[in-house]
Amino acid sequence: MTAEKVAAERPQTLTELFTLARENLKEKGQDRQMPSGSNYLASSEANRRLLDSVFMEPKFLDPVQPDTSLTLFGARMKTPAFCSALSKPGQFTDEEMADLVRGMGNAGSMMMLGIGGSEMLQLAIDTGAPVVKMVKPYRETELIYTKVKDAESRGCVAVGIDIDHFYGTYRDGRSTRADTFSPKQMDEIRQAISLTKLPFMLKGVLSLADAQKAIDLGASAIAVSNHGAGSFDFGVPAIVALPALAEAVGDKLTILVDTGFRTGNDMFKALAFGAQGVGFATQILLAASAGGAIGVEEFIGFVTGELKRTMAITGCADLSAIDRSLLIASPEVRKWW
């Protein structure tokens, strides 16, 4: 189905949207599980089980009209849902990737870009969507510095580095990109931060030790993430790490979270545990495969709509009203928090 047909016959549910995406991907020869099922995916599966064991307390009387808007890195957004750092998939052309970014902008959201050159970055920025450039920890440190300065000069709203890619990725029983990426010393990261006036984010923070070091380095934000288990299959699940990190450094850093969040209710729970924004990636790729910018806008609309409904049910007029007092966890998972 073409993007034009999607525009004429918009999917009415997430199931319809993702079914269409898989049909379109199969036509492109991408008939595979996303993500790869060859890893244990222990962290991601634990994250899912824990999210599904947390419930919300409804407050039906004295109804409110929820507002899901916020300001993030100086950009006004209609939703706390954002696109986690994406590197252009092989089946996407540059224009299709730009269309994905355009959909994020149309939805009042934010785009984070991973691996890619200046031309792709400029195409994304030219869509008008707020764009964050996430720079990989390249073995050639000067390349990191070049990309940080390039991001600022082209108009990104923030920039950052994936610390969870220090040792490359690990899938299908083998490490990849270990020859391209390498661990960076504190002074090297501090230097990267000093090269820009933009807010600087460290992505892949799952420990209090790294969060405190992020503050010491002068970072503005952290992303609580284990990169879809692609960097460390048994890393702490994001939803386990998030509450303690938010409590410890939430007054000093902007805290975002991703990995394993799928729905508006998942967003609500992450926000209640202290996140200020929640990232999606695989679902956005599927939405773009279903209908380009329109498919992406539809997906963000679906999950934000669910978030807004849950906010109404729990009596939250705006995002600041969402907190842990509204959550009830199953006894078997309380020990995590």
C-alpha atoms as a PDB file:
ATOM      1  CA  MET A   1       0.000   0.000   0.000  1.00  0.00           C
ATOM      2  CA  THR A   2       1.385   3.404  -0.904  1.00  0.00           C
ATOM      3  CA  ALA A   3       1.595   6.413   1.393  1.00  0.00           C
ATOM      4  CA  GLU A   4      -1.162   7.993  -0.711  1.00  0.00           C
ATOM      5  CA  LYS A   5      -3.469   5.070   0.003  1.00  0.00           C
ATOM      6  CA  VAL A   6      -2.633   5.265   3.704  1.00  0.00           C
ATOM      7  CA  ALA A   7      -3.641   8.926   3.598  1.00  0.00           C
ATOM      8  CA  ALA A   8      -6.968   7.976   2.047  1.00  0.00           C
ATOM      9  CA  GLU A   9      -7.581   4.940   4.274  1.00  0.00           C
ATOM     10  CA  ARG A  10      -5.846   5.676   7.545  1.00  0.00           C
ATOM     11  CA  PRO A  11      -5.309   2.679   9.838  1.00  0.00           C
ATOM     12  CA  GLN A  12      -7.813   2.842  12.675  1.00  0.00           C
ATOM     13  CA  THR A  13      -5.751   0.858  15.194  1.00  0.00           C
ATOM     14  CA  LEU A  14      -2.129   0.069  15.996  1.00  0.00           C
ATOM     15  CA  THR A  15      -2.743  -3.518  14.869  1.00  0.00           C
ATOM     16  CA  GLU A  16      -3.836  -2.319  11.425  1.00  0.00           C
ATOM     17  CA  LEU A  17      -0.832   0.018  11.216  1.00  0.00           C
ATOM     18  CA  PHE A  18       1.733  -2.660  12.126  1.00  0.00           C
ATOM     19  CA  THR A  19       0.089  -5.314   9.924  1.00  0.00           C
ATOM     20  CA  LEU A  20       0.413  -2.948   6.980  1.00  0.00           C
ATOM     21  CA  ALA A  21       4.031  -2.236   7.934  1.00  0.00           C
ATOM     22  CA  ARG A  22       4.971  -5.900   7.910  1.00  0.00           C
ATOM     23  CA  GLU A  23       3.277  -6.414   4.547  1.00  0.00           C
ATOM     24  CA  ASN A  24       5.269  -3.532   3.059  1.00  0.00           C
ATOM     25  CA  LEU A  25       8.528  -4.710   4.628  1.00  0.00           C
ATOM     26  CA  LYS A  26       7.977  -8.224   3.279  1.00  0.00           C
ATOM     27  CA  GLU A  27       7.640  -6.759  -0.210  1.00  0.00           C
ATOM     28  CA  LYS A  28      11.073  -5.163   0.334  1.00  0.00           C
ATOM     29  CA  GLY A  29      12.590  -8.488   1.394  1.00  0.00           C
ATOM     30  CA  GLN A  30      12.587  -7.624   5.103  1.00  0.00           C
ATOM     31  CA  ASP A  31      10.630 -10.639   6.307  1.00  0.00           C
ATOM     32  CA  ARG A  32      12.247 -11.004   9.718  1.00  0.00           C
ATOM     33  CA  GLN A  33      11.546 -10.560  13.389  1.00  0.00           C
ATOM     34  CA  MET A  34      12.272  -7.076  14.720  1.00  0.00           C
ATOM     35  CA  PRO A  35      14.474  -7.039  16.693  1.00  0.00           C
ATOM     36  CA  SER A  36      16.523 -10.181  16.057  1.00  0.00           C
ATOM     37  CA  GLY A  37      15.372 -13.088  18.176  1.00  0.00           C
ATOM     38  CA  SER A  38      18.820 -14.681  18.350  1.00  0.00           C
ATOM     39  CA  ASN A  39      19.767 -12.953  21.612  1.00  0.00           C
ATOM     40  CA  TYR A  40      18.177 -13.844  24.906  1.00  0.00           C
ATOM     41  CA  LEU A  41      16.738 -10.299  25.092  1.00  0.00           C
ATOM     42  CA  ALA A  42      16.629 -10.798  28.862  1.00  0.00           C
ATOM     43  CA  SER A  43      16.636  -7.086  29.729  1.00  0.00           C
ATOM     44  CA  SER A  44      13.938  -6.212  27.211  1.00  0.00           C
ATOM     45  CA  GLU A  45      11.704  -9.088  28.287  1.00  0.00           C
ATOM     46  CA  ALA A  46      12.153  -8.239  31.970  1.00  0.00           C
ATOM     47  CA  ASN A  47      11.326  -4.615  31.187  1.00  0.00           C
ATOM     48  CA  ARG A  48       8.084  -5.790  29.566  1.00  0.00           C
ATOM     49  CA  ARG A  49       7.108  -8.056  32.456  1.00  0.00           C
ATOM     50  CA  LEU A  50       7.724  -5.323  34.995  1.00  0.00           C
ATOM     51  CA  LEU A  51       5.773  -2.705  33.045  1.00  0.00           C
ATOM     52  CA  ASP A  52       2.867  -5.120  32.806  1.00  0.00           C
ATOM     53  CA  SER A  53       2.935  -5.627  36.591  1.00  0.00           C
ATOM     54  CA  VAL A  54       2.373  -1.946  37.394  1.00  0.00           C
ATOM     55  CA  PHE A  55      -1.160  -0.558  37.515  1.00  0.00           C
ATOM     56  CA  MET A  56      -2.693   2.913  37.799  1.00  0.00           C
ATOM     57  CA  GLU A  57      -5.176   4.181  40.345  1.00  0.00           C
ATOM     58  CA  PRO A  58      -8.225   5.714  38.617  1.00  0.00           C
ATOM     59  CA  LYS A  59      -9.844   8.933  39.849  1.00  0.00           C
ATOM     60  CA  PHE A  60     -13.032   9.331  37.855  1.00  0.00           C
ATOM     61  CA  LEU A  61     -14.712  12.069  39.885  1.00  0.00           C
ATOM     62  CA  ASP A  62     -13.864  15.756  39.351  1.00  0.00           C
ATOM     63  CA  PRO A  63     -12.643  15.201  35.739  1.00  0.00           C
ATOM     64  CA  VAL A  64      -9.797  17.133  34.112  1.00  0.00           C
ATOM     65  CA  GLN A  65      -8.815  18.035  30.538  1.00  0.00           C
ATOM     66  CA  PRO A  66      -5.287  16.647  30.141  1.00  0.00           C
ATOM     67  CA  ASP A  67      -2.491  18.561  28.422  1.00  0.00           C
ATOM     68  CA  THR A  68       0.393  16.373  27.152  1.00  0.00           C
ATOM     69  CA  SER A  69       2.604  19.244  25.963  1.00  0.00           C
ATOM     70  CA  LEU A  70       6.095  20.007  27.265  1.00  0.00           C
ATOM     71  CA  THR A  71       9.311  21.798  26.410  1.00  0.00           C
ATOM     72  CA  LEU A  72      12.380  19.656  25.819  1.00  0.00           C
ATOM     73  CA  PHE A  73      15.785  21.083  24.915  1.00  0.00           C
ATOM     74  CA  GLY A  74      14.068  24.394  24.228  1.00  0.00           C
ATOM     75  CA  ALA A  75      11.635  22.862  21.718  1.00  0.00           C
ATOM     76  CA  ARG A  76       7.906  22.940  22.372  1.00  0.00           C
ATOM     77  CA  MET A  77       6.366  19.466  21.932  1.00  0.00           C
ATOM     78  CA  LYS A  78       2.806  18.165  21.931  1.00  0.00           C
ATOM     79  CA  THR A  79       3.817  14.844  23.453  1.00  0.00           C
ATOM     80  CA  PRO A  80       6.538  13.319  25.648  1.00  0.00           C
ATOM     81  CA  ALA A  81       6.936  10.549  23.043  1.00  0.00           C
ATOM     82  CA  PHE A  82      10.064  10.964  20.917  1.00  0.00           C
ATOM     83  CA  CYS A  83      11.939   8.884  18.363  1.00  0.00           C
ATOM     84  CA  SER A  84      14.999   7.279  19.926  1.00  0.00           C
ATOM     85  CA  ALA A  85      18.236   7.631  17.989  1.00  0.00           C
ATOM     86  CA  LEU A  86      17.825   5.905  14.629  1.00  0.00           C
ATOM     87  CA  SER A  87      20.484   5.136  12.072  1.00  0.00           C
ATOM     88  CA  LYS A  88      18.963   4.847   8.607  1.00  0.00           C
ATOM     89  CA  PRO A  89      17.935   1.203   7.968  1.00  0.00           C
ATOM     90  CA  GLY A  90      19.224  -0.382   4.782  1.00  0.00           C
ATOM     91  CA  GLN A  91      15.744  -0.665   3.273  1.00  0.00           C
ATOM     92  CA  PHE A  92      15.120   3.108   3.660  1.00  0.00           C
ATOM     93  CA  THR A  93      16.200   5.712   1.145  1.00  0.00           C
ATOM     94  CA  ASP A  94      17.346   9.128   2.370  1.00  0.00           C
ATOM     95  CA  GLU A  95      14.001  10.583   1.315  1.00  0.00           C
ATOM     96  CA  GLU A  96      12.080   7.883   3.173  1.00  0.00           C
ATOM     97  CA  MET A  97      14.129   8.613   6.275  1.00  0.00           C
ATOM     98  CA  ALA A  98      13.438  12.324   5.908  1.00  0.00           C
ATOM     99  CA  ASP A  99       9.751  11.474   5.567  1.00  0.00           C
ATOM    100  CA  LEU A 100       9.919   9.609   8.878  1.00  0.00           C
ATOM    101  CA  VAL A 101      11.424  12.701  10.517  1.00  0.00           C
ATOM    102  CA  ARG A 102       8.734  14.854   8.907  1.00  0.00           C
ATOM    103  CA  GLY A 103       6.095  12.655  10.499  1.00  0.00           C
ATOM    104  CA  MET A 104       7.668  13.177  13.914  1.00  0.00           C
ATOM    105  CA  GLY A 105       7.570  16.923  13.383  1.00  0.00           C
ATOM    106  CA  ASN A 106       3.976  16.845  12.173  1.00  0.00           C
ATOM    107  CA  ALA A 107       3.052  14.943  15.341  1.00  0.00           C
ATOM    108  CA  GLY A 108       4.626  17.640  17.508  1.00  0.00           C
ATOM    109  CA  SER A 109       7.416  15.319  18.575  1.00  0.00           C
ATOM    110  CA  MET A 110      11.220  15.149  18.444  1.00  0.00           C
ATOM    111  CA  MET A 111      13.641  13.110  16.313  1.00  0.00           C
ATOM    112  CA  MET A 112      16.971  11.673  17.391  1.00  0.00           C
ATOM    113  CA  LEU A 113      19.392  10.568  14.676  1.00  0.00           C
ATOM    114  CA  GLY A 114      22.260   8.112  15.036  1.00  0.00           C
ATOM    115  CA  ILE A 115      24.792   7.048  12.415  1.00  0.00           C
ATOM    116  CA  GLY A 116      24.659   9.182   9.292  1.00  0.00           C
ATOM    117  CA  GLY A 117      26.420  11.956   7.457  1.00  0.00           C
ATOM    118  CA  SER A 118      25.876  15.681   7.299  1.00  0.00           C
ATOM    119  CA  GLU A 119      23.606  15.397   4.241  1.00  0.00           C
ATOM    120  CA  MET A 120      21.136  13.119   6.050  1.00  0.00           C
ATOM    121  CA  LEU A 121      21.263  15.333   9.114  1.00  0.00           C
ATOM    122  CA  GLN A 122      20.478  18.399   7.035  1.00  0.00           C
ATOM    123  CA  LEU A 123      17.575  16.648   5.302  1.00  0.00           C
ATOM    124  CA  ALA A 124      16.140  15.871   8.730  1.00  0.00           C
ATOM    125  CA  ILE A 125      16.575  19.404  10.052  1.00  0.00           C
ATOM    126  CA  ASP A 126      15.040  20.864   6.899  1.00  0.00           C
ATOM    127  CA  THR A 127      11.764  19.058   7.660  1.00  0.00           C
ATOM    128  CA  GLY A 128      11.251  21.492  10.530  1.00  0.00           C
ATOM    129  CA  ALA A 129      11.180  18.809  13.219  1.00  0.00           C
ATOM    130  CA  PRO A 130      13.399  19.362  16.284  1.00  0.00           C
ATOM    131  CA  VAL A 131      16.408  17.078  15.803  1.00  0.00           C
ATOM    132  CA  VAL A 132      18.924  15.710  18.316  1.00  0.00           C
ATOM    133  CA  LYS A 133      22.138  14.253  16.927  1.00  0.00           C
ATOM    134  CA  MET A 134      23.500  11.265  18.828  1.00  0.00           C
ATOM    135  CA  VAL A 135      27.152  10.707  17.984  1.00  0.00           C
ATOM    136  CA  LYS A 136      28.668   7.252  18.287  1.00  0.00           C
ATOM    137  CA  PRO A 137      31.883   6.786  20.309  1.00  0.00           C
ATOM    138  CA  TYR A 138      34.098   6.518  17.244  1.00  0.00           C
ATOM    139  CA  ARG A 139      37.578   5.120  17.723  1.00  0.00           C
ATOM    140  CA  GLU A 140      38.802   8.235  15.911  1.00  0.00           C
ATOM    141  CA  THR A 141      38.006  10.795  18.614  1.00  0.00           C
ATOM    142  CA  GLU A 142      38.425  13.769  16.284  1.00  0.00           C
ATOM    143  CA  LEU A 143      35.465  12.467  14.282  1.00  0.00           C
ATOM    144  CA  ILE A 144      33.310  12.779  17.411  1.00  0.00           C
ATOM    145  CA  TYR A 145      34.379  16.386  17.827  1.00  0.00           C
ATOM    146  CA  THR A 146      33.679  17.133  14.164  1.00  0.00           C
ATOM    147  CA  LYS A 147      30.167  15.669  14.352  1.00  0.00           C
ATOM    148  CA  VAL A 148      29.348  17.568  17.556  1.00  0.00           C
ATOM    149  CA  LYS A 149      30.309  20.879  15.957  1.00  0.00           C
ATOM    150  CA  ASP A 150      28.465  19.951  12.745  1.00  0.00           C
ATOM    151  CA  ALA A 151      25.279  19.233  14.688  1.00  0.00           C
ATOM    152  CA  GLU A 152      25.317  22.666  16.285  1.00  0.00           C
ATOM    153  CA  SER A 153      26.142  24.516  13.076  1.00  0.00           C
ATOM    154  CA  ARG A 154      23.261  22.839  11.203  1.00  0.00           C
ATOM    155  CA  GLY A 155      20.602  23.650  13.778  1.00  0.00           C
ATOM    156  CA  CYS A 156      20.131  20.638  16.058  1.00  0.00           C
ATOM    157  CA  VAL A 157      18.400  21.347  19.364  1.00  0.00           C
ATOM    158  CA  ALA A 158      20.756  19.047  21.295  1.00  0.00           C
ATOM    159  CA  VAL A 159      23.618  16.607  20.777  1.00  0.00           C
ATOM    160  CA  GLY A 160      24.950  13.600  22.657  1.00  0.00           C
ATOM    161  CA  ILE A 161      26.955  10.408  22.649  1.00  0.00           C
ATOM    162  CA  ASP A 162      26.009   6.726  23.032  1.00  0.00           C
ATOM    163  CA  ILE A 163      28.183   5.522  25.901  1.00  0.00           C
ATOM    164  CA  ASP A 164      26.563   2.081  25.665  1.00  0.00           C
ATOM    165  CA  HIS A 165      28.262   1.642  22.285  1.00  0.00           C
ATOM    166  CA  PHE A 166      31.788   1.839  23.719  1.00  0.00           C
ATOM    167  CA  TYR A 167      32.192  -1.879  22.968  1.00  0.00           C
ATOM    168  CA  GLY A 168      30.109  -2.041  19.817  1.00  0.00           C
ATOM    169  CA  THR A 169      26.959  -4.129  19.564  1.00  0.00           C
ATOM    170  CA  TYR A 170      26.482  -7.798  20.344  1.00  0.00           C
ATOM    171  CA  ARG A 171      23.920  -9.777  18.377  1.00  0.00           C
ATOM    172  CA  ASP A 172      23.694 -13.236  16.895  1.00  0.00           C
ATOM    173  CA  GLY A 173      26.528 -14.463  19.090  1.00  0.00           C
ATOM    174  CA  ARG A 174      29.122 -11.989  17.883  1.00  0.00           C
ATOM    175  CA  SER A 175      30.335  -8.478  18.453  1.00  0.00           C
ATOM    176  CA  THR A 176      30.065  -5.940  15.645  1.00  0.00           C
ATOM    177  CA  ARG A 177      31.574  -2.494  15.100  1.00  0.00           C
ATOM    178  CA  ALA A 178      34.139  -3.044  17.852  1.00  0.00           C
ATOM    179  CA  ASP A 179      36.735  -1.911  15.304  1.00  0.00           C
ATOM    180  CA  THR A 180      34.753   1.285  14.645  1.00  0.00           C
ATOM    181  CA  PHE A 181      33.830   2.292  18.208  1.00  0.00           C
ATOM    182  CA  SER A 182      35.900   2.325  21.392  1.00  0.00           C
ATOM    183  CA  PRO A 183      35.630   3.439  25.015  1.00  0.00           C
ATOM    184  CA  LYS A 184      36.191   7.153  25.532  1.00  0.00           C
ATOM    185  CA  GLN A 185      38.059   8.627  28.476  1.00  0.00           C
ATOM    186  CA  MET A 186      36.369  11.198  30.687  1.00  0.00           C
ATOM    187  CA  ASP A 187      38.557  13.990  29.327  1.00  0.00           C
ATOM    188  CA  GLU A 188      37.567  13.121  25.753  1.00  0.00           C
ATOM    189  CA  ILE A 189      33.857  13.330  26.594  1.00  0.00           C
ATOM    190  CA  ARG A 190      34.423  16.527  28.558  1.00  0.00           C
ATOM    191  CA  GLN A 191      36.135  17.987  25.512  1.00  0.00           C
ATOM    192  CA  ALA A 192      33.196  17.041  23.278  1.00  0.00           C
ATOM    193  CA  ILE A 193      30.787  18.746  25.672  1.00  0.00           C
ATOM    194  CA  SER A 194      32.939  21.879  25.753  1.00  0.00           C
ATOM    195  CA  LEU A 195      32.769  22.229  21.956  1.00  0.00           C
ATOM    196  CA  THR A 196      29.072  23.094  21.879  1.00  0.00           C
ATOM    197  CA  LYS A 197      26.569  25.376  23.547  1.00  0.00           C
ATOM    198  CA  LEU A 198      23.818  22.837  22.858  1.00  0.00           C
ATOM    199  CA  PRO A 199      22.398  20.635  25.636  1.00  0.00           C
ATOM    200  CA  PHE A 200      24.550  17.488  25.729  1.00  0.00           C
ATOM    201  CA  MET A 201      23.109  14.044  26.519  1.00  0.00           C
ATOM    202  CA  LEU A 202      24.774  10.793  27.538  1.00  0.00           C
ATOM    203  CA  LYS A 203      22.730   7.834  26.290  1.00  0.00           C
ATOM    204  CA  GLY A 204      22.982   4.445  27.931  1.00  0.00           C
ATOM    205  CA  VAL A 205      23.131   5.478  31.592  1.00  0.00           C
ATOM    206  CA  LEU A 206      21.866   2.654  33.832  1.00  0.00           C
ATOM    207  CA  SER A 207      23.823   3.236  37.040  1.00  0.00           C
ATOM    208  CA  LEU A 208      24.037   5.948  39.681  1.00  0.00           C
ATOM    209  CA  ALA A 209      27.802   5.999  39.181  1.00  0.00           C
ATOM    210  CA  ASP A 210      27.473   6.943  35.492  1.00  0.00           C
ATOM    211  CA  ALA A 211      24.710   9.443  36.267  1.00  0.00           C
ATOM    212  CA  GLN A 212      26.901  11.248  38.775  1.00  0.00           C
ATOM    213  CA  LYS A 213      29.800  11.251  36.321  1.00  0.00           C
ATOM    214  CA  ALA A 214      27.479  12.744  33.699  1.00  0.00           C
ATOM    215  CA  ILE A 215      26.897  15.668  36.066  1.00  0.00           C
ATOM    216  CA  ASP A 216      30.630  15.975  36.747  1.00  0.00           C
ATOM    217  CA  LEU A 217      31.295  16.092  32.999  1.00  0.00           C
ATOM    218  CA  GLY A 218      28.796  18.922  32.501  1.00  0.00           C
ATOM    219  CA  ALA A 219      26.108  16.963  30.641  1.00  0.00           C
ATOM    220  CA  SER A 220      22.588  18.399  30.526  1.00  0.00           C
ATOM    221  CA  ALA A 221      20.683  15.142  30.101  1.00  0.00           C
ATOM    222  CA  ILE A 222      20.871  11.372  30.278  1.00  0.00           C
ATOM    223  CA  ALA A 223      18.937   8.676  28.457  1.00  0.00           C
ATOM    224  CA  VAL A 224      18.218   5.634  30.601  1.00  0.00           C
ATOM    225  CA  SER A 225      18.585   2.977  27.930  1.00  0.00           C
ATOM    226  CA  ASN A 226      20.175  -0.366  27.136  1.00  0.00           C
ATOM    227  CA  HIS A 227      19.903   0.136  23.397  1.00  0.00           C
ATOM    228  CA  GLY A 228      17.274  -2.551  22.888  1.00  0.00           C
ATOM    229  CA  ALA A 229      19.661  -5.041  24.524  1.00  0.00           C
ATOM    230  CA  GLY A 230      21.926  -4.557  21.513  1.00  0.00           C
ATOM    231  CA  SER A 231      24.923  -3.473  23.554  1.00  0.00           C
ATOM    232  CA  PHE A 232      24.549  -5.570  26.720  1.00  0.00           C
ATOM    233  CA  ASP A 233      21.877  -8.249  26.750  1.00  0.00           C
ATOM    234  CA  PHE A 234      21.788  -8.510  30.550  1.00  0.00           C
ATOM    235  CA  GLY A 235      22.063  -4.828  31.374  1.00  0.00           C
ATOM    236  CA  VAL A 236      19.705  -3.480  34.023  1.00  0.00           C
ATOM    237  CA  PRO A 237      16.193  -3.063  32.526  1.00  0.00           C
ATOM    238  CA  ALA A 238      15.473   0.610  31.925  1.00  0.00           C
ATOM    239  CA  ILE A 239      12.331   0.625  34.079  1.00  0.00           C
ATOM    240  CA  VAL A 240      14.347  -0.818  36.991  1.00  0.00           C
ATOM    241  CA  ALA A 241      17.123   1.766  36.745  1.00  0.00           C
ATOM    242  CA  LEU A 242      14.854   4.759  36.091  1.00  0.00           C
ATOM    243  CA  PRO A 243      13.254   5.442  39.522  1.00  0.00           C
ATOM    244  CA  ALA A 244      16.526   5.526  41.477  1.00  0.00           C
ATOM    245  CA  LEU A 245      18.228   7.661  38.838  1.00  0.00           C
ATOM    246  CA  ALA A 246      15.336  10.118  38.734  1.00  0.00           C
ATOM    247  CA  GLU A 247      15.329  10.415  42.502  1.00  0.00           C
ATOM    248  CA  ALA A 248      19.093  10.880  42.713  1.00  0.00           C
ATOM    249  CA  VAL A 249      19.785  13.274  39.825  1.00  0.00           C
ATOM    250  CA  GLY A 250      16.406  14.349  38.451  1.00  0.00           C
ATOM    251  CA  ASP A 251      16.879  17.855  39.829  1.00  0.00           C
ATOM    252  CA  LYS A 252      20.188  18.228  37.993  1.00  0.00           C
ATOM    253  CA  LEU A 253      19.639  16.458  34.673  1.00  0.00           C
ATOM    254  CA  THR A 254      16.882  16.037  32.099  1.00  0.00           C
ATOM    255  CA  ILE A 255      16.046  12.330  32.219  1.00  0.00           C
ATOM    256  CA  LEU A 256      14.755  10.465  29.169  1.00  0.00           C
ATOM    257  CA  VAL A 257      14.138   6.744  28.869  1.00  0.00           C
ATOM    258  CA  ASP A 258      13.763   4.159  26.110  1.00  0.00           C
ATOM    259  CA  THR A 259      14.030   0.428  25.373  1.00  0.00           C
ATOM    260  CA  GLY A 260      10.916  -1.696  25.522  1.00  0.00           C
ATOM    261  CA  PHE A 261       8.216   0.981  25.812  1.00  0.00           C
ATOM    262  CA  ARG A 262       5.333   0.360  23.402  1.00  0.00           C
ATOM    263  CA  THR A 263       2.172   2.157  24.477  1.00  0.00           C
ATOM    264  CA  GLY A 264       0.742   5.296  25.976  1.00  0.00           C
ATOM    265  CA  ASN A 265       0.251   3.462  29.261  1.00  0.00           C
ATOM    266  CA  ASP A 266       3.941   2.519  29.202  1.00  0.00           C
ATOM    267  CA  MET A 267       4.692   6.220  28.789  1.00  0.00           C
ATOM    268  CA  PHE A 268       2.522   7.096  31.769  1.00  0.00           C
ATOM    269  CA  LYS A 269       4.393   4.603  33.967  1.00  0.00           C
ATOM    270  CA  ALA A 270       7.796   5.888  32.819  1.00  0.00           C
ATOM    271  CA  LEU A 271       6.750   9.481  33.480  1.00  0.00           C
ATOM    272  CA  ALA A 272       5.469   8.481  36.919  1.00  0.00           C
ATOM    273  CA  PHE A 273       8.852   6.910  37.671  1.00  0.00           C
ATOM    274  CA  GLY A 274      10.602  10.187  36.822  1.00  0.00           C
ATOM    275  CA  ALA A 275      11.250  10.333  33.071  1.00  0.00           C
ATOM    276  CA  GLN A 276      10.523  13.549  31.183  1.00  0.00           C
ATOM    277  CA  GLY A 277      10.311  11.887  27.784  1.00  0.00           C
ATOM    278  CA  VAL A 278       9.905   8.329  26.481  1.00  0.00           C
ATOM    279  CA  GLY A 279      11.543   7.012  23.336  1.00  0.00           C
ATOM    280  CA  PHE A 280      10.208   4.634  20.698  1.00  0.00           C
ATOM    281  CA  ALA A 281      12.172   3.215  17.766  1.00  0.00           C
ATOM    282  CA  THR A 282      11.050  -0.119  16.275  1.00  0.00           C
ATOM    283  CA  GLN A 283       7.403   0.964  16.321  1.00  0.00           C
ATOM    284  CA  ILE A 284       8.256   4.194  14.519  1.00  0.00           C
ATOM    285  CA  LEU A 285      10.192   2.297  11.850  1.00  0.00           C
ATOM    286  CA  LEU A 286       7.175   0.040  11.377  1.00  0.00           C
ATOM    287  CA  ALA A 287       4.850   3.042  11.197  1.00  0.00           C
ATOM    288  CA  ALA A 288       7.083   4.667   8.569  1.00  0.00           C
ATOM    289  CA  SER A 289       7.108   1.410   6.609  1.00  0.00           C
ATOM    290  CA  ALA A 290       3.319   1.413   6.708  1.00  0.00           C
ATOM    291  CA  GLY A 291       2.797   4.942   5.470  1.00  0.00           C
ATOM    292  CA  GLY A 292       5.773   7.268   5.639  1.00  0.00           C
ATOM    293  CA  ALA A 293       5.174  10.555   7.458  1.00  0.00           C
ATOM    294  CA  ILE A 294       1.451   9.845   7.789  1.00  0.00           C
ATOM    295  CA  GLY A 295       2.088   6.445   9.362  1.00  0.00           C
ATOM    296  CA  VAL A 296       4.534   7.952  11.859  1.00  0.00           C
ATOM    297  CA  GLU A 297       2.121  10.740  12.733  1.00  0.00           C
ATOM    298  CA  GLU A 298      -0.617   8.135  13.221  1.00  0.00           C
ATOM    299  CA  PHE A 299       1.529   6.077  15.586  1.00  0.00           C
ATOM    300  CA  ILE A 300       2.496   9.060  17.740  1.00  0.00           C
ATOM    301  CA  GLY A 301      -1.165  10.053  17.748  1.00  0.00           C
ATOM    302  CA  PHE A 302      -2.225   6.584  18.934  1.00  0.00           C
ATOM    303  CA  VAL A 303       0.207   6.393  21.870  1.00  0.00           C
ATOM    304  CA  THR A 304      -0.297  10.030  22.861  1.00  0.00           C
ATOM    305  CA  GLY A 305      -4.042   9.539  22.711  1.00  0.00           C
ATOM    306  CA  GLU A 306      -3.776   6.600  25.089  1.00  0.00           C
ATOM    307  CA  LEU A 307      -1.532   8.624  27.411  1.00  0.00           C
ATOM    308  CA  LYS A 308      -4.029  11.490  27.401  1.00  0.00           C
ATOM    309  CA  ARG A 309      -6.931   9.132  28.186  1.00  0.00           C
ATOM    310  CA  THR A 310      -5.002   7.566  31.082  1.00  0.00           C
ATOM    311  CA  MET A 311      -4.129  11.033  32.395  1.00  0.00           C
ATOM    312  CA  ALA A 312      -7.836  11.887  32.377  1.00  0.00           C
ATOM    313  CA  ILE A 313      -8.741   8.669  34.182  1.00  0.00           C
ATOM    314  CA  THR A 314      -6.082   9.260  36.846  1.00  0.00           C
ATOM    315  CA  GLY A 315      -6.924  12.956  37.294  1.00  0.00           C
ATOM    316  CA  CYS A 316      -3.717  14.387  35.796  1.00  0.00           C
ATOM    317  CA  ALA A 317      -4.299  17.745  34.124  1.00  0.00           C
ATOM    318  CA  ASP A 318      -0.717  17.978  32.853  1.00  0.00           C
ATOM    319  CA  LEU A 319       2.483  15.936  32.801  1.00  0.00           C
ATOM    320  CA  SER A 320       3.738  17.419  36.078  1.00  0.00           C
ATOM    321  CA  ALA A 321       0.792  15.787  37.884  1.00  0.00           C
ATOM    322  CA  ILE A 322       1.971  12.273  36.975  1.00  0.00           C
ATOM    323  CA  ASP A 323       3.907  10.733  39.857  1.00  0.00           C
ATOM    324  CA  ARG A 324       4.527   7.438  41.640  1.00  0.00           C
ATOM    325  CA  SER A 325       1.607   7.913  44.020  1.00  0.00           C
ATOM    326  CA  LEU A 326      -0.667   6.913  41.121  1.00  0.00           C
ATOM    327  CA  LEU A 327       1.055   3.558  40.596  1.00  0.00           C
ATOM    328  CA  ILE A 328       0.310   0.248  42.274  1.00  0.00           C
ATOM    329  CA  ALA A 329       2.838  -2.525  41.694  1.00  0.00           C
ATOM    330  CA  SER A 330       2.256  -6.239  42.030  1.00  0.00           C
ATOM    331  CA  PRO A 331       3.777  -7.613  45.270  1.00  0.00           C
ATOM    332  CA  GLU A 332       6.275  -9.766  43.375  1.00  0.00           C
ATOM    333  CA  VAL A 333       7.862  -6.753  41.675  1.00  0.00           C
ATOM    334  CA  ARG A 334       7.805  -4.183  44.492  1.00  0.00           C
ATOM    335  CA  LYS A 335      11.299  -5.259  45.525  1.00  0.00           C
ATOM    336  CA  TRP A 336      12.643  -3.695  42.332  1.00  0.00           C
ATOM    337  CA  TRP A 337      11.569  -0.237  43.492  1.00  0.00           C
END
